[in-house]
Amino acid sequence: MRFGEFFRAMRAKHGQSLREFCLANGFDPANISRLERGLLPPPESRDKLEGYAKALRLKKGSDDWYNLFDLAAAERGRIPQDVLRDSELMGMLPVLFRTLRGQRVDPDALDDLVERIRRA
């Protein structure tokens, strides 16, 4: 799922039309429509994303909260800030990338990654 699709799904979950949502939260309907259709990239600003999360009634720290931020980062070609701050996770990224590409990976490093995923 892309950022805009997720955004639209979260808005629709509360039964709000695009115009109702924008009116209630002070957003421009044309820009939110473009965002939902993938014609505008997700914002880079954490403050802007937090404003969207609040407007979408996403509970801070919930799966949906992280999904909004992760989809925004991924679509902009960035690594999420919380991952960047975690040196252990950063050390696992090369293993993950190689695995996703189908390249040969050190079995011990792959086991470490799998264990970390299981604990999550």
C-alpha atoms as a PDB file:
ATOM      1  CA  MET A   1       0.000   0.000   0.000  1.00  0.00           C
ATOM      2  CA  ARG A   2       1.221   3.487  -0.812  1.00  0.00           C
ATOM      3  CA  PHE A   3       1.094   6.528   1.453  1.00  0.00           C
ATOM      4  CA  GLY A   4      -1.878   8.137  -0.303  1.00  0.00           C
ATOM      5  CA  GLU A   5      -3.899   4.920  -0.297  1.00  0.00           C
ATOM      6  CA  PHE A   6      -3.244   4.467   3.407  1.00  0.00           C
ATOM      7  CA  PHE A   7      -4.145   8.096   4.101  1.00  0.00           C
ATOM      8  CA  ARG A   8      -7.441   7.720   2.214  1.00  0.00           C
ATOM      9  CA  ALA A   9      -8.250   4.453   3.999  1.00  0.00           C
ATOM     10  CA  MET A  10      -7.656   6.021   7.428  1.00  0.00           C
ATOM     11  CA  ARG A  11      -9.802   9.039   6.533  1.00  0.00           C
ATOM     12  CA  ALA A  12     -12.594   6.829   5.181  1.00  0.00           C
ATOM     13  CA  LYS A  13     -12.418   4.627   8.283  1.00  0.00           C
ATOM     14  CA  HIS A  14     -14.021   7.497  10.188  1.00  0.00           C
ATOM     15  CA  GLY A  15     -16.687   8.019   7.533  1.00  0.00           C
ATOM     16  CA  GLN A  16     -15.475  11.451   6.483  1.00  0.00           C
ATOM     17  CA  SER A  17     -15.592  12.654   2.926  1.00  0.00           C
ATOM     18  CA  LEU A  18     -12.543  14.467   1.636  1.00  0.00           C
ATOM     19  CA  ARG A  19     -14.249  17.839   2.026  1.00  0.00           C
ATOM     20  CA  GLU A  20     -15.518  17.070   5.534  1.00  0.00           C
ATOM     21  CA  PHE A  21     -12.066  15.939   6.617  1.00  0.00           C
ATOM     22  CA  CYS A  22     -10.376  19.028   5.181  1.00  0.00           C
ATOM     23  CA  LEU A  23     -12.944  21.429   6.609  1.00  0.00           C
ATOM     24  CA  ALA A  24     -12.662  19.876  10.077  1.00  0.00           C
ATOM     25  CA  ASN A  25      -8.855  20.007  10.042  1.00  0.00           C
ATOM     26  CA  GLY A  26      -8.030  23.132   8.037  1.00  0.00           C
ATOM     27  CA  PHE A  27      -6.504  21.326   5.045  1.00  0.00           C
ATOM     28  CA  ASP A  28      -6.802  22.266   1.391  1.00  0.00           C
ATOM     29  CA  PRO A  29      -9.054  19.659  -0.305  1.00  0.00           C
ATOM     30  CA  ALA A  30      -7.182  19.916  -3.624  1.00  0.00           C
ATOM     31  CA  ASN A  31      -3.831  19.166  -1.970  1.00  0.00           C
ATOM     32  CA  ILE A  32      -5.192  16.304   0.136  1.00  0.00           C
ATOM     33  CA  SER A  33      -6.832  14.854  -2.970  1.00  0.00           C
ATOM     34  CA  ARG A  34      -3.491  15.007  -4.803  1.00  0.00           C
ATOM     35  CA  LEU A  35      -1.762  13.444  -1.811  1.00  0.00           C
ATOM     36  CA  GLU A  36      -4.267  10.577  -1.661  1.00  0.00           C
ATOM     37  CA  ARG A  37      -3.952   9.940  -5.396  1.00  0.00           C
ATOM     38  CA  GLY A  38      -0.153   9.930  -5.237  1.00  0.00           C
ATOM     39  CA  LEU A  39       0.229  13.106  -7.274  1.00  0.00           C
ATOM     40  CA  LEU A  40       1.919  14.886  -4.349  1.00  0.00           C
ATOM     41  CA  PRO A  41       4.694  13.189  -2.390  1.00  0.00           C
ATOM     42  CA  PRO A  42       4.237  12.647   1.338  1.00  0.00           C
ATOM     43  CA  PRO A  43       5.592  15.486   3.448  1.00  0.00           C
ATOM     44  CA  GLU A  44       9.141  15.275   4.809  1.00  0.00           C
ATOM     45  CA  SER A  45       8.320  17.329   7.886  1.00  0.00           C
ATOM     46  CA  ARG A  46       7.699  15.279  11.016  1.00  0.00           C
ATOM     47  CA  ASP A  47       5.445  18.085  12.307  1.00  0.00           C
ATOM     48  CA  LYS A  48       3.307  17.895   9.160  1.00  0.00           C
ATOM     49  CA  LEU A  49       3.083  14.092   9.396  1.00  0.00           C
ATOM     50  CA  GLU A  50       2.145  14.344  13.074  1.00  0.00           C
ATOM     51  CA  GLY A  51      -0.564  16.858  12.121  1.00  0.00           C
ATOM     52  CA  TYR A  52      -1.923  14.397   9.573  1.00  0.00           C
ATOM     53  CA  ALA A  53      -1.732  11.555  12.097  1.00  0.00           C
ATOM     54  CA  LYS A  54      -3.675  13.613  14.625  1.00  0.00           C
ATOM     55  CA  ALA A  55      -6.284  14.585  12.034  1.00  0.00           C
ATOM     56  CA  LEU A  56      -6.614  10.925  11.034  1.00  0.00           C
ATOM     57  CA  ARG A  57      -7.074  10.049  14.734  1.00  0.00           C
ATOM     58  CA  LEU A  58      -4.092   7.728  14.808  1.00  0.00           C
ATOM     59  CA  LYS A  59      -2.949   6.850  18.300  1.00  0.00           C
ATOM     60  CA  LYS A  60       0.695   7.766  18.820  1.00  0.00           C
ATOM     61  CA  GLY A  61       2.801   4.609  18.855  1.00  0.00           C
ATOM     62  CA  SER A  62       0.097   2.445  17.251  1.00  0.00           C
ATOM     63  CA  ASP A  63       0.698   0.268  14.193  1.00  0.00           C
ATOM     64  CA  ASP A  64      -1.258   2.746  12.069  1.00  0.00           C
ATOM     65  CA  TRP A  65       0.857   5.635  13.434  1.00  0.00           C
ATOM     66  CA  TYR A  66       4.095   3.905  12.465  1.00  0.00           C
ATOM     67  CA  ASN A  67       2.630   2.793   9.152  1.00  0.00           C
ATOM     68  CA  LEU A  68       1.868   6.413   8.197  1.00  0.00           C
ATOM     69  CA  PHE A  69       5.438   7.498   8.984  1.00  0.00           C
ATOM     70  CA  ASP A  70       7.041   4.417   7.421  1.00  0.00           C
ATOM     71  CA  LEU A  71       5.045   4.735   4.196  1.00  0.00           C
ATOM     72  CA  ALA A  72       5.972   8.425   3.967  1.00  0.00           C
ATOM     73  CA  ALA A  73       9.666   7.643   4.467  1.00  0.00           C
ATOM     74  CA  ALA A  74       9.649   4.731   2.031  1.00  0.00           C
ATOM     75  CA  GLU A  75       7.882   6.697  -0.669  1.00  0.00           C
ATOM     76  CA  ARG A  76      10.388   9.519  -0.305  1.00  0.00           C
ATOM     77  CA  GLY A  77      13.280   7.038  -0.434  1.00  0.00           C
ATOM     78  CA  ARG A  78      14.309   7.627   3.169  1.00  0.00           C
ATOM     79  CA  ILE A  79      14.950   5.446   6.188  1.00  0.00           C
ATOM     80  CA  PRO A  80      12.561   6.254   9.084  1.00  0.00           C
ATOM     81  CA  GLN A  81      14.137   8.411  11.804  1.00  0.00           C
ATOM     82  CA  ASP A  82      13.544   5.908  14.595  1.00  0.00           C
ATOM     83  CA  VAL A  83      15.463   3.280  12.611  1.00  0.00           C
ATOM     84  CA  LEU A  84      18.313   5.714  11.939  1.00  0.00           C
ATOM     85  CA  ARG A  85      18.657   6.348  15.668  1.00  0.00           C
ATOM     86  CA  ASP A  86      18.895   2.620  16.490  1.00  0.00           C
ATOM     87  CA  SER A  87      22.460   1.458  15.772  1.00  0.00           C
ATOM     88  CA  GLU A  88      21.526  -2.225  16.134  1.00  0.00           C
ATOM     89  CA  LEU A  89      18.775  -1.864  13.515  1.00  0.00           C
ATOM     90  CA  MET A  90      21.054   0.108  11.230  1.00  0.00           C
ATOM     91  CA  GLY A  91      23.540  -2.739  11.390  1.00  0.00           C
ATOM     92  CA  MET A  92      20.818  -5.133  10.227  1.00  0.00           C
ATOM     93  CA  LEU A  93      19.751  -3.112   7.183  1.00  0.00           C
ATOM     94  CA  PRO A  94      22.459  -4.420   4.823  1.00  0.00           C
ATOM     95  CA  VAL A  95      21.395  -7.995   5.645  1.00  0.00           C
ATOM     96  CA  LEU A  96      17.772  -7.095   5.012  1.00  0.00           C
ATOM     97  CA  PHE A  97      18.582  -5.390   1.712  1.00  0.00           C
ATOM     98  CA  ARG A  98      20.662  -8.330   0.493  1.00  0.00           C
ATOM     99  CA  THR A  99      17.909 -10.738   1.500  1.00  0.00           C
ATOM    100  CA  LEU A 100      15.278  -8.705  -0.329  1.00  0.00           C
ATOM    101  CA  ARG A 101      17.459  -8.717  -3.442  1.00  0.00           C
ATOM    102  CA  GLY A 102      17.919 -12.481  -3.205  1.00  0.00           C
ATOM    103  CA  GLN A 103      21.675 -12.174  -2.703  1.00  0.00           C
ATOM    104  CA  ARG A 104      23.784 -14.510  -0.588  1.00  0.00           C
ATOM    105  CA  VAL A 105      23.807 -13.486   3.077  1.00  0.00           C
ATOM    106  CA  ASP A 106      25.953 -14.600   5.997  1.00  0.00           C
ATOM    107  CA  PRO A 107      23.781 -17.217   7.786  1.00  0.00           C
ATOM    108  CA  ASP A 108      24.595 -15.859  11.266  1.00  0.00           C
ATOM    109  CA  ALA A 109      23.633 -12.327  10.237  1.00  0.00           C
ATOM    110  CA  LEU A 110      20.393 -13.645   8.739  1.00  0.00           C
ATOM    111  CA  ASP A 111      19.640 -15.585  11.941  1.00  0.00           C
ATOM    112  CA  ASP A 112      20.170 -12.376  13.940  1.00  0.00           C
ATOM    113  CA  LEU A 113      17.762 -10.514  11.677  1.00  0.00           C
ATOM    114  CA  VAL A 114      15.134 -13.255  11.923  1.00  0.00           C
ATOM    115  CA  GLU A 115      15.425 -13.295  15.727  1.00  0.00           C
ATOM    116  CA  ARG A 116      15.037  -9.521  15.888  1.00  0.00           C
ATOM    117  CA  ILE A 117      11.898  -9.742  13.723  1.00  0.00           C
ATOM    118  CA  ARG A 118      10.458 -12.461  15.957  1.00  0.00           C
ATOM    119  CA  ARG A 119      10.984 -10.297  19.060  1.00  0.00           C
ATOM    120  CA  ALA A 120       9.255  -7.319  17.459  1.00  0.00           C
END
